[in-house]
Protein backbone atom coordinates (compact mmCIF):
# COMPACT_ATOMS: atom_id res chain seq x y z
CA MET A 1 1.58 27.79 43.35
CA THR A 2 4.35 27.93 40.78
CA SER A 3 6.44 25.40 38.91
CA SER A 4 9.46 24.33 40.92
CA PRO A 5 12.82 23.32 39.48
CA SER A 6 13.55 19.77 38.44
CA PRO A 7 13.50 17.56 41.55
CA THR A 8 16.46 15.55 40.31
CA PRO A 9 19.69 17.18 39.07
CA ALA A 10 20.18 16.96 35.33
CA THR A 11 22.81 14.41 34.38
CA THR A 12 24.61 13.42 31.22
CA PRO A 13 26.10 10.04 30.34
CA GLY A 14 29.37 9.50 32.19
CA GLU A 15 28.78 12.35 34.63
CA ASP A 16 28.74 9.95 37.61
CA ALA A 17 31.29 7.24 36.86
CA SER A 18 30.73 5.65 40.29
CA ARG A 19 27.20 4.56 39.41
CA PRO A 20 26.82 1.61 37.02
CA SER A 21 24.34 2.22 34.24
CA ASP A 22 22.02 -0.33 32.68
CA GLY A 23 20.86 2.12 30.03
CA ARG A 24 17.71 3.16 31.84
CA LYS A 25 17.19 6.91 32.12
CA VAL A 26 14.57 9.65 32.16
CA LEU A 27 14.43 12.64 29.84
CA LEU A 28 12.63 15.43 31.69
CA ALA A 29 11.10 18.17 29.54
CA ALA A 30 11.62 21.82 30.33
CA PRO A 31 9.55 23.87 30.38
CA ARG A 32 6.62 21.82 31.65
CA GLY A 33 3.71 22.28 34.04
CA TYR A 34 2.15 25.54 35.13
CA CYS A 35 2.10 28.38 32.63
CA ALA A 36 1.67 32.01 33.70
CA GLY A 37 -2.07 32.00 32.94
CA VAL A 38 -2.74 28.90 35.03
CA ASP A 39 -0.57 30.17 37.87
CA ARG A 40 -2.54 33.44 37.86
CA ALA A 41 -5.91 31.67 37.88
CA VAL A 42 -5.07 29.26 40.71
CA ILE A 43 -3.57 32.03 42.84
CA ALA A 44 -6.68 34.14 42.17
CA VAL A 45 -8.86 31.47 43.78
CA GLU A 46 -6.47 31.05 46.71
CA LYS A 47 -6.27 34.83 47.28
CA ALA A 48 -10.05 35.19 47.08
CA LEU A 49 -10.46 32.51 49.75
CA GLU A 50 -7.85 34.23 51.94
CA GLN A 51 -9.32 37.72 51.53
CA TYR A 52 -13.04 36.99 51.53
CA GLY A 53 -13.34 33.61 53.22
CA ALA A 54 -15.21 30.54 52.05
CA PRO A 55 -17.26 29.87 50.15
CA VAL A 56 -16.01 31.27 46.86
CA TYR A 57 -17.74 29.88 43.79
CA VAL A 58 -15.89 29.02 40.58
CA ARG A 59 -17.73 28.64 37.27
CA HIS A 60 -16.37 25.48 35.67
CA GLU A 61 -12.97 24.04 36.62
CA ILE A 62 -10.57 26.93 37.19
CA VAL A 63 -8.04 24.94 35.13
CA HIS A 64 -8.36 21.45 33.66
CA ASN A 65 -6.64 19.41 36.35
CA LYS A 66 -8.30 17.06 38.85
CA TYR A 67 -5.67 17.51 41.57
CA VAL A 68 -5.87 21.31 41.45
CA VAL A 69 -9.67 21.29 41.59
CA LYS A 70 -9.77 18.87 44.55
CA THR A 71 -7.11 20.88 46.41
CA LEU A 72 -9.07 24.11 46.01
CA GLU A 73 -12.31 22.40 47.03
CA LYS A 74 -10.66 21.39 50.31
CA LYS A 75 -9.82 25.07 50.89
CA GLY A 76 -13.44 26.15 50.39
CA ALA A 77 -13.93 26.69 46.66
CA ILE A 78 -17.22 25.44 45.22
CA PHE A 79 -17.22 24.56 41.53
CA VAL A 80 -20.42 24.97 39.54
CA GLU A 81 -21.34 24.42 35.90
CA GLU A 82 -23.61 27.43 35.45
CA THR A 83 -23.67 30.94 36.90
CA GLU A 84 -27.29 30.48 38.01
CA GLU A 85 -26.13 27.87 40.54
CA VAL A 86 -24.35 30.54 42.60
CA PRO A 87 -26.55 31.92 45.41
CA GLU A 88 -27.34 35.63 45.22
CA GLY A 89 -24.86 37.94 46.92
CA ASN A 90 -21.85 35.65 46.55
CA ILE A 91 -18.53 35.79 44.70
CA VAL A 92 -18.03 33.90 41.45
CA ILE A 93 -14.71 33.39 39.68
CA PHE A 94 -14.52 32.81 35.94
CA SER A 95 -12.01 30.18 34.86
CA ALA A 96 -8.75 30.65 32.96
CA HIS A 97 -10.45 29.48 29.76
CA GLY A 98 -12.59 32.63 29.50
CA VAL A 99 -16.33 33.19 29.21
CA ALA A 100 -18.66 34.83 26.73
CA PRO A 101 -20.10 38.31 27.46
CA VAL A 102 -23.47 36.72 28.25
CA VAL A 103 -21.91 35.05 31.31
CA HIS A 104 -20.83 38.42 32.72
CA GLU A 105 -24.43 39.59 32.25
CA GLU A 106 -25.71 36.50 34.07
CA ALA A 107 -23.50 37.35 37.04
CA LYS A 108 -24.88 40.91 37.16
CA ARG A 109 -28.46 39.67 37.00
CA GLY A 110 -27.69 37.18 39.76
CA LYS A 111 -26.35 40.01 41.95
CA LEU A 112 -22.93 38.39 42.15
CA ALA A 113 -19.51 39.93 42.56
CA SER A 114 -17.22 38.42 39.91
CA ILE A 115 -13.50 37.85 39.50
CA ASP A 116 -12.33 37.29 35.94
CA ALA A 117 -9.40 34.84 35.97
CA THR A 118 -9.33 34.48 32.18
CA CYS A 119 -5.79 33.98 30.88
CA PRO A 120 -4.62 37.26 29.31
CA LEU A 121 -3.62 35.36 26.17
CA VAL A 122 -7.20 34.12 25.81
CA THR A 123 -8.44 37.65 26.42
CA LYS A 124 -6.22 38.74 23.52
CA VAL A 125 -8.04 36.34 21.21
CA HIS A 126 -11.40 37.64 22.50
CA LYS A 127 -10.37 41.19 21.65
CA GLU A 128 -9.23 40.13 18.19
CA ALA A 129 -12.62 38.49 17.59
CA VAL A 130 -14.44 41.67 18.61
CA ARG A 131 -12.24 43.86 16.40
CA TYR A 132 -12.57 41.71 13.30
CA ALA A 133 -16.33 41.43 13.83
CA GLN A 134 -16.56 45.22 14.02
CA GLU A 135 -14.68 45.35 10.71
CA ASP A 136 -17.27 42.89 9.30
CA TYR A 137 -14.89 39.98 8.68
CA ASP A 138 -15.97 36.36 8.72
CA ILE A 139 -13.89 34.77 11.49
CA LEU A 140 -12.81 31.15 11.17
CA LEU A 141 -12.05 29.94 14.70
CA ILE A 142 -9.81 26.86 14.69
CA GLY A 143 -10.56 24.80 17.77
CA HIS A 144 -12.37 21.84 19.30
CA GLU A 145 -16.13 21.95 19.50
CA GLY A 146 -17.42 22.13 23.07
CA HIS A 147 -14.14 23.29 24.62
CA GLU A 148 -14.77 26.07 27.15
CA GLU A 149 -12.29 28.42 25.51
CA VAL A 150 -13.97 28.01 22.12
CA ILE A 151 -17.40 28.64 23.64
CA GLY A 152 -16.14 31.83 25.31
CA THR A 153 -14.43 33.18 22.19
CA SER A 154 -17.40 32.33 19.96
CA GLY A 155 -19.66 34.23 22.32
CA GLU A 156 -17.80 37.47 21.63
CA ALA A 157 -19.09 37.62 18.04
CA PRO A 158 -21.44 34.68 17.37
CA GLU A 159 -22.80 36.13 14.12
CA HIS A 160 -19.32 36.37 12.61
CA ILE A 161 -17.57 33.24 13.93
CA THR A 162 -17.50 29.81 12.31
CA LEU A 163 -15.78 26.95 14.15
CA VAL A 164 -13.30 24.89 12.15
CA ASP A 165 -12.56 21.67 14.04
CA GLY A 166 -9.44 20.46 12.22
CA PRO A 167 -8.37 20.12 8.58
CA GLU A 168 -11.16 17.67 7.79
CA ASP A 169 -13.73 20.35 8.66
CA VAL A 170 -12.45 22.88 6.11
CA ALA A 171 -14.67 21.57 3.30
CA ASN A 172 -17.75 22.51 5.36
CA VAL A 173 -16.79 26.19 5.72
CA GLU A 174 -18.91 28.84 4.00
CA VAL A 175 -18.15 32.58 4.09
CA ARG A 176 -19.88 35.67 2.76
CA ASP A 177 -16.87 37.29 1.12
CA PRO A 178 -13.66 35.30 0.40
CA ASP A 179 -11.69 38.55 0.54
CA ARG A 180 -12.80 39.39 4.09
CA VAL A 181 -11.90 36.27 6.06
CA VAL A 182 -9.56 35.92 9.05
CA TRP A 183 -8.54 32.92 11.15
CA LEU A 184 -8.14 32.78 14.94
CA SER A 185 -7.43 29.75 17.09
CA GLN A 186 -7.90 28.14 20.46
CA THR A 187 -4.69 28.79 22.41
CA THR A 188 -4.02 25.18 23.49
CA LEU A 189 -3.92 23.38 20.13
CA SER A 190 -1.11 21.49 18.46
CA VAL A 191 0.91 24.00 16.46
CA ASP A 192 1.38 21.54 13.59
CA GLU A 193 -2.29 20.58 13.36
CA THR A 194 -3.35 24.23 13.49
CA MET A 195 -1.04 25.19 10.64
CA GLU A 196 -2.28 22.19 8.66
CA THR A 197 -5.81 23.57 9.08
CA VAL A 198 -4.65 27.08 8.13
CA ASP A 199 -2.97 25.74 4.98
CA ALA A 200 -6.17 23.93 4.01
CA LEU A 201 -8.19 27.10 4.58
CA LYS A 202 -5.76 29.11 2.45
CA GLY A 203 -6.27 26.56 -0.29
CA ARG A 204 -9.91 27.60 -0.38
CA TYR A 205 -9.44 31.25 0.55
CA PRO A 206 -6.08 32.57 -0.77
CA ASN A 207 -6.71 36.00 0.80
CA LEU A 208 -7.28 34.55 4.26
CA LEU A 209 -5.95 37.01 6.83
CA SER A 210 -3.80 35.81 9.73
CA PRO A 211 -4.11 37.34 13.21
CA PRO A 212 -1.48 39.97 14.13
CA SER A 213 0.28 37.47 16.40
CA ASP A 214 0.18 33.71 16.83
CA ASP A 215 -2.85 32.75 18.92
CA ILE A 216 -1.37 29.48 20.21
CA CYS A 217 0.14 30.51 23.51
CA TYR A 218 3.88 30.58 24.18
CA ALA A 219 3.58 27.93 26.92
CA THR A 220 1.77 25.47 24.66
CA GLN A 221 4.38 25.93 21.95
CA ASN A 222 7.32 25.61 24.34
CA ARG A 223 5.99 22.41 25.89
CA GLN A 224 5.37 20.90 22.47
CA THR A 225 8.87 21.87 21.31
CA ALA A 226 10.45 20.18 24.35
CA VAL A 227 8.46 17.00 23.69
CA LYS A 228 9.52 17.00 20.04
CA GLN A 229 13.17 17.21 21.11
CA MET A 230 12.94 14.23 23.44
CA GLY A 231 10.32 12.20 21.54
CA ALA A 232 12.76 10.76 19.01
CA GLU A 233 14.99 9.44 21.84
CA ALA A 234 12.26 8.12 24.11
CA ASP A 235 10.88 4.59 24.04
CA LEU A 236 8.01 5.78 26.23
CA VAL A 237 6.68 9.27 27.01
CA ILE A 238 4.57 9.88 30.09
CA VAL A 239 2.53 13.08 30.00
CA VAL A 240 1.13 14.17 33.35
CA GLY A 241 -2.23 15.84 32.91
CA SER A 242 -5.98 15.35 33.00
CA LYS A 243 -7.93 13.93 30.08
CA ASN A 244 -10.02 17.09 29.71
CA SER A 245 -6.87 19.20 29.34
CA SER A 246 -6.54 20.02 25.65
CA ASN A 247 -2.86 20.97 25.82
CA SER A 248 -2.01 17.78 27.74
CA VAL A 249 -3.77 15.59 25.19
CA ARG A 250 -1.88 17.40 22.42
CA LEU A 251 1.45 16.57 24.12
CA VAL A 252 0.72 12.86 23.76
CA GLU A 253 0.01 13.36 20.06
CA VAL A 254 3.17 15.44 19.60
CA ALA A 255 5.30 12.80 21.34
CA LEU A 256 4.04 10.06 19.05
CA GLY A 257 4.50 12.30 16.03
CA ALA A 258 8.10 12.98 17.09
CA GLY A 259 8.96 9.28 17.09
CA ALA A 260 8.22 7.99 20.59
CA ARG A 261 7.29 4.29 20.51
CA ALA A 262 4.51 4.87 23.04
CA ALA A 263 3.00 7.82 24.92
CA HIS A 264 0.41 7.88 27.69
CA LEU A 265 -1.52 10.54 29.62
CA VAL A 266 -1.83 10.06 33.39
CA ASP A 267 -3.18 12.23 36.17
CA CYS A 268 -0.61 10.91 38.63
CA ALA A 269 1.96 8.16 39.20
CA GLU A 270 -0.70 5.74 40.46
CA GLU A 271 -2.17 5.57 36.95
CA ILE A 272 1.04 4.34 35.32
CA ASP A 273 0.88 0.74 34.13
CA GLU A 274 4.13 -1.05 34.99
CA ALA A 275 3.71 -3.12 31.82
CA TRP A 276 4.49 0.04 29.82
CA LEU A 277 8.13 -0.27 30.98
CA GLU A 278 8.72 -3.62 29.33
CA GLY A 279 11.73 -3.26 27.01
CA VAL A 280 11.95 0.48 27.70
CA GLY A 281 15.35 2.08 28.17
CA THR A 282 14.49 5.78 27.96
CA VAL A 283 11.36 7.37 29.44
CA GLY A 284 10.38 10.92 28.56
CA VAL A 285 8.41 12.85 31.18
CA THR A 286 6.52 16.10 30.79
CA SER A 287 3.33 17.73 32.05
CA GLY A 288 0.55 19.89 30.71
CA ALA A 289 0.29 23.61 31.40
CA SER A 290 -2.23 23.12 34.24
CA VAL A 291 -0.25 20.52 36.18
CA PRO A 292 1.45 21.32 39.53
CA GLU A 293 5.03 20.11 39.88
CA ILE A 294 4.21 17.85 42.83
CA LEU A 295 2.55 15.42 40.40
CA VAL A 296 5.68 15.30 38.22
CA HIS A 297 7.78 14.62 41.35
CA GLY A 298 5.50 11.65 42.05
CA VAL A 299 6.09 10.21 38.58
CA LEU A 300 9.88 10.66 38.87
CA ASP A 301 9.87 8.95 42.28
CA TRP A 302 7.80 6.06 40.87
CA LEU A 303 10.25 5.62 37.98
CA ALA A 304 13.30 5.87 40.28
CA GLN A 305 11.93 3.02 42.40
CA ARG A 306 11.95 0.90 39.23
CA GLY A 307 15.53 1.68 38.22
CA TYR A 308 15.06 4.89 36.23
CA GLU A 309 17.16 7.08 38.51
CA ASP A 310 19.25 9.02 35.98
CA VAL A 311 17.42 12.16 34.90
CA GLU A 312 18.51 14.39 32.05
CA THR A 313 16.68 17.68 31.49
CA ILE A 314 15.79 18.59 27.90
CA THR A 315 15.41 22.36 27.79
CA ALA A 316 13.55 23.91 24.85
CA ALA A 317 13.07 27.43 26.23
CA GLU A 318 13.37 29.58 29.32
CA GLU A 319 10.11 31.11 30.58
CA SER A 320 9.97 34.26 32.68
CA ILE A 321 6.48 35.58 31.85
CA ALA A 322 4.20 36.45 34.76
CA PHE A 323 0.75 38.04 34.75
CA SER A 324 -0.66 40.39 37.37
CA LEU A 325 -3.59 39.10 39.40
CA PRO A 326 -7.17 40.09 38.48
CA LYS A 327 -7.86 43.69 39.47
CA GLU A 328 -11.04 42.64 41.29
CA LEU A 329 -8.91 41.19 44.10
CA ARG A 330 -8.06 44.75 45.11
CA ARG A 331 -11.68 45.50 45.99
CA ASP A 332 -14.03 44.51 48.83
CA LEU A 333 -16.13 42.11 46.81
CA ARG A 334 -18.11 40.78 49.76
CA ALA A 335 -19.36 44.31 50.44
CA GLU A 336 -20.14 44.83 46.76
CA ALA A 337 -22.12 41.60 46.57
CA LYS A 338 -24.06 42.45 49.69
CA ALA A 339 -24.85 45.93 48.36
CA ALA A 340 -26.10 44.41 45.10
CA THR A 341 -28.65 42.29 46.95
CA GLU A 342 -29.95 45.38 48.76
CA ASP A 343 -30.57 47.37 45.58
């Protein structure tokens, strides 16, 4: 499952002189939808079902999207909240958001074969947390409390990590040594909000160390940049994505910050309120990094039926990154799980 090209050819004003225009058009963000990490995770579940047969258990939603989860459930995936819910001798897949080391231990104790579908960019942050903890730094993790990615990263070095949930939380931070402090971040945050938090932290800790590379993932940044470019022109921005998707929620915030008069998050076209179109000439459309393109097609079709047929693509970046599938898919995990139960 990968992002497909724009379903409607990009147009510019005057390109089709034969069609009268009433000023209504759609600005379609590019890139949008599936990032490489999400694509890898969803394919990992599909491949596991093909290779090993149902059921395959998935700890938490593989990605934060209702449509994707329901589609995989129909194919035989069973989603659980905790590792202990998976019956002994089965296969469990860890979601793209990553898990703490204790979860891997739970799987071993439960005699389960596991597939780690953690996004490699999240894994990078995990490794940074481990390294800085080994060097005895206090780690200030910028992120949202309770988010699965934050829980997983915090679990790598719980004694060294302090969560900073936005600029307003900076005043509550306490560290052992102001000269040995580093910040890391959840990968799906708003770039602007994260840097606002970093600036506030540097106000308290001038020697705050930055990670060797930006933790906010390339896909999150690219999607936010595209929304910024179209936000100032759009009367309304529709973001396709689920409410528990951090990066999708951030896109709504970015659109409003860029100047859009209104912005709404919807899972699919059926959730759009027709009243939102009142007085609207230009509609911006984008989707979060865990959204399949079929849902964007549905929104574009819905808008076209209401006179918004002209679609202009706003391109912020070209993406060509792809990640290899989890190495566990090259093994006979059913046999491994069975052997574990016989030990």
